[in-house]
Amino acid sequence: PRLRVVTILRLPLSTSAGMATAGASPLNSSPKESENGDYLSTAERKVLLSVDGSEDSARAFEWYTTNLLREKDGLILVHIVEPANAGVNYGLATKPAVLTEDFSKHITELVDKGKELGKKFLHQSKALGIRARFVLHIGAKPGEHICRLSKELAIDIIVMGSRGLGKLRRTFLGSVSDYVLHHASTPVIIIPPQKKDA
């Protein structure tokens, strides 16, 4: 199956079929269903699960499959690549052309890692018999995108992990899970970080 990057400007969020017409065909763990129609339209319940490669998102996926999964669920796995987190530090003397090239390279690396992440979760989903689709989005404000995607795809439940930000950092920076919890129009389940032994 093929995987293409979805950007917020090119993604009509009303239906997954619209994704294909926009030139964005998210990877699906059930190719036969993808060819015969949109599996989301036949799902009894649509679940959005945010993944980012952390242990917290892996635990959220495990919690969903253990405690919440139903036979006819449609699972949408969402990964956000934030350009601001490309991890590149530049000096004031850096030439614009070099900056643009390096930034583009790092974004490409992040997208490639995101694709591998999607394949990993889709393989796990397929092994469990879950009908799943992976959507990779490039853009800032992941919380806003998750909420909008949830609303326009008529998601029934959002499941996501929490990195357990400290109180001070949460005050100044906030967190994606906090944003989604307070702004989503659908029920949100946040899986807390694993307790560390004292």
Protein backbone atom coordinates (compact mmCIF):
# COMPACT_ATOMS: atom_id res chain seq x y z
CA PRO A 1 0.00 0.00 0.00
CA ARG A 2 1.10 3.57 -0.66
CA LEU A 3 1.41 6.38 1.83
CA ARG A 4 1.34 10.05 0.92
CA VAL A 5 1.75 13.06 3.12
CA VAL A 6 -1.42 14.96 3.92
CA THR A 7 -1.25 18.72 4.48
CA ILE A 8 -3.98 20.74 6.13
CA LEU A 9 -4.48 22.86 3.01
CA ARG A 10 -4.99 19.91 0.69
CA LEU A 11 -7.07 17.66 2.90
CA PRO A 12 -10.86 17.83 2.60
CA LEU A 13 -11.79 16.41 5.99
CA SER A 14 -15.43 15.57 5.32
CA THR A 15 -14.76 12.01 4.12
CA SER A 16 -11.82 9.72 3.61
CA ALA A 17 -12.88 9.36 -0.01
CA GLY A 18 -12.21 13.09 -0.29
CA MET A 19 -8.63 12.46 0.76
CA ALA A 20 -8.08 10.36 -2.32
CA THR A 21 -9.50 13.00 -4.64
CA ALA A 22 -7.15 15.55 -3.10
CA GLY A 23 -4.16 13.41 -4.01
CA ALA A 24 -3.66 12.19 -0.46
CA SER A 25 -4.22 8.49 0.05
CA PRO A 26 -3.48 7.56 3.67
CA LEU A 27 -2.20 4.04 4.22
CA ASN A 28 -4.92 1.56 5.09
CA SER A 29 -4.52 -1.70 7.01
CA SER A 30 -7.35 -3.20 4.97
CA PRO A 31 -6.53 -2.62 1.26
CA LYS A 32 -9.48 -4.65 -0.07
CA GLU A 33 -11.95 -2.47 1.81
CA SER A 34 -10.12 0.64 0.63
CA GLU A 35 -10.59 -0.44 -2.99
CA ASN A 36 -14.27 -1.30 -2.57
CA GLY A 37 -15.26 1.84 -0.70
CA ASP A 38 -14.71 3.91 2.40
CA TYR A 39 -14.50 1.65 5.45
CA LEU A 40 -15.32 4.59 7.71
CA SER A 41 -18.84 4.78 6.33
CA THR A 42 -19.53 1.22 7.51
CA ALA A 43 -17.80 1.50 10.89
CA GLU A 44 -20.16 1.39 13.85
CA ARG A 45 -17.76 3.59 15.80
CA LYS A 46 -14.91 5.83 14.64
CA VAL A 47 -11.92 6.20 16.94
CA LEU A 48 -9.11 8.72 16.45
CA LEU A 49 -5.81 7.81 18.08
CA SER A 50 -2.94 10.30 18.09
CA VAL A 51 0.52 8.72 17.72
CA ASP A 52 3.94 10.35 17.95
CA GLY A 53 6.46 7.56 18.44
CA SER A 54 6.65 8.02 22.21
CA GLU A 55 6.06 5.34 24.85
CA ASP A 56 2.95 7.27 25.84
CA SER A 57 1.29 6.91 22.44
CA ALA A 58 2.28 3.24 22.33
CA ARG A 59 0.60 2.77 25.71
CA ALA A 60 -2.49 4.60 24.44
CA PHE A 61 -2.69 2.20 21.48
CA GLU A 62 -2.25 -0.79 23.80
CA TRP A 63 -4.92 0.56 26.17
CA TYR A 64 -7.35 1.05 23.30
CA THR A 65 -6.84 -2.47 21.94
CA THR A 66 -7.16 -3.99 25.41
CA ASN A 67 -10.02 -1.99 26.92
CA LEU A 68 -12.00 -0.16 24.26
CA LEU A 69 -11.75 -2.01 20.94
CA ARG A 70 -14.94 -3.23 19.30
CA GLU A 71 -15.16 -5.55 16.32
CA LYS A 72 -16.54 -2.97 13.88
CA ASP A 73 -14.44 0.01 14.93
CA GLY A 74 -12.84 2.22 12.31
CA LEU A 75 -9.48 3.48 13.64
CA ILE A 76 -7.84 6.65 12.37
CA LEU A 77 -4.21 6.95 13.46
CA VAL A 78 -3.01 10.56 13.27
CA HIS A 79 0.59 11.79 13.36
CA ILE A 80 1.50 15.49 13.27
CA VAL A 81 4.89 16.71 12.03
CA GLU A 82 5.53 20.17 13.44
CA PRO A 83 7.98 22.28 11.36
CA ALA A 84 8.95 24.21 14.50
CA ASN A 85 10.30 20.95 15.96
CA ALA A 86 12.70 20.23 13.12
CA GLY A 87 15.56 20.44 15.60
CA VAL A 88 17.77 22.83 13.62
CA ASN A 89 19.66 25.71 15.24
CA TYR A 90 20.93 28.49 13.00
CA GLY A 91 23.28 31.39 13.63
CA LEU A 92 22.54 34.93 12.49
CA ALA A 93 25.11 34.62 9.70
CA THR A 94 23.41 31.61 8.10
CA LYS A 95 22.52 32.25 4.46
CA PRO A 96 18.79 32.00 3.64
CA ALA A 97 19.42 29.42 0.90
CA VAL A 98 21.34 27.18 3.32
CA LEU A 99 18.70 27.63 6.01
CA THR A 100 15.90 26.68 3.61
CA GLU A 101 17.77 23.64 2.31
CA ASP A 102 18.67 22.37 5.78
CA PHE A 103 15.16 23.00 7.10
CA SER A 104 13.65 21.15 4.15
CA LYS A 105 16.02 18.24 4.74
CA HIS A 106 15.03 17.95 8.39
CA ILE A 107 11.33 18.13 7.55
CA THR A 108 11.84 15.33 5.02
CA GLU A 109 13.57 13.25 7.70
CA LEU A 110 10.69 13.83 10.11
CA VAL A 111 8.16 12.87 7.45
CA ASP A 112 10.09 9.67 6.66
CA LYS A 113 10.12 8.78 10.36
CA GLY A 114 6.40 9.50 10.47
CA LYS A 115 5.78 7.12 7.57
CA GLU A 116 7.69 4.36 9.35
CA LEU A 117 5.67 5.05 12.48
CA GLY A 118 2.47 4.72 10.47
CA LYS A 119 3.54 1.41 8.97
CA LYS A 120 4.39 0.09 12.43
CA PHE A 121 0.98 0.93 13.91
CA LEU A 122 -0.87 -0.30 10.83
CA HIS A 123 0.93 -3.65 10.95
CA GLN A 124 -0.04 -3.96 14.62
CA SER A 125 -3.63 -3.01 13.78
CA LYS A 126 -3.84 -5.53 10.95
CA ALA A 127 -2.48 -8.28 13.20
CA LEU A 128 -5.33 -7.54 15.62
CA GLY A 129 -7.95 -7.41 12.87
CA ILE A 130 -8.51 -3.67 13.25
CA ARG A 131 -9.58 -1.65 10.22
CA ALA A 132 -7.22 1.31 10.44
CA ARG A 133 -6.01 4.26 8.41
CA PHE A 134 -2.94 6.44 9.00
CA VAL A 135 -2.94 10.18 8.35
CA LEU A 136 0.27 12.23 8.50
CA HIS A 137 -0.14 16.00 8.71
CA ILE A 138 2.54 18.69 8.45
CA GLY A 139 1.75 21.84 10.38
CA ALA A 140 1.81 23.70 13.66
CA LYS A 141 -0.83 23.51 16.39
CA PRO A 142 -1.44 19.73 16.39
CA GLY A 143 -4.19 20.05 18.99
CA GLU A 144 -6.25 22.27 16.70
CA HIS A 145 -5.80 19.89 13.77
CA ILE A 146 -6.83 16.87 15.84
CA CYS A 147 -9.98 18.67 17.02
CA ARG A 148 -10.89 19.76 13.50
CA LEU A 149 -10.24 16.34 12.02
CA SER A 150 -12.34 14.78 14.77
CA LYS A 151 -15.27 17.09 14.12
CA GLU A 152 -15.26 16.84 10.34
CA LEU A 153 -14.85 13.05 10.27
CA ALA A 154 -17.55 12.69 12.94
CA ILE A 155 -15.19 10.83 15.27
CA ASP A 156 -16.91 9.16 18.22
CA ILE A 157 -13.96 8.92 20.61
CA ILE A 158 -10.44 10.39 20.75
CA VAL A 159 -7.73 8.39 22.51
CA MET A 160 -4.29 9.81 23.20
CA GLY A 161 -1.38 9.55 25.57
CA SER A 162 -0.09 12.22 27.90
CA ARG A 163 3.59 13.00 28.26
CA GLY A 164 3.02 14.07 31.84
CA LEU A 165 4.36 17.61 31.52
CA GLY A 166 5.45 19.28 34.73
CA LYS A 167 3.11 21.91 36.17
CA LEU A 168 5.41 24.84 35.29
CA ARG A 169 6.00 23.70 31.72
CA ARG A 170 2.30 22.99 31.23
CA THR A 171 1.46 26.53 32.42
CA PHE A 172 3.67 28.19 29.82
CA LEU A 173 3.62 25.72 26.95
CA GLY A 174 0.43 23.77 27.44
CA SER A 175 0.18 20.33 25.86
CA VAL A 176 -1.58 18.74 22.92
CA SER A 177 -3.63 16.48 25.17
CA ASP A 178 -4.73 19.41 27.35
CA TYR A 179 -5.82 21.36 24.28
CA VAL A 180 -7.77 18.46 22.83
CA LEU A 181 -9.39 17.69 26.18
CA HIS A 182 -10.74 21.24 26.48
CA HIS A 183 -11.61 21.97 22.84
CA ALA A 184 -12.76 18.70 21.24
CA SER A 185 -16.49 18.27 20.62
CA THR A 186 -16.29 14.52 21.23
CA PRO A 187 -15.34 12.41 24.28
CA VAL A 188 -11.59 12.30 24.92
CA ILE A 189 -9.72 9.54 26.76
CA ILE A 190 -6.22 10.48 27.90
CA ILE A 191 -3.97 7.66 29.05
CA PRO A 192 -1.66 8.93 31.82
CA PRO A 193 2.07 8.19 31.81
CA GLN A 194 3.20 5.03 33.51
CA LYS A 195 3.93 5.50 37.19
CA LYS A 196 7.60 5.34 38.08
CA ASP A 197 8.69 3.24 41.00
CA ALA A 198 9.51 5.33 44.05
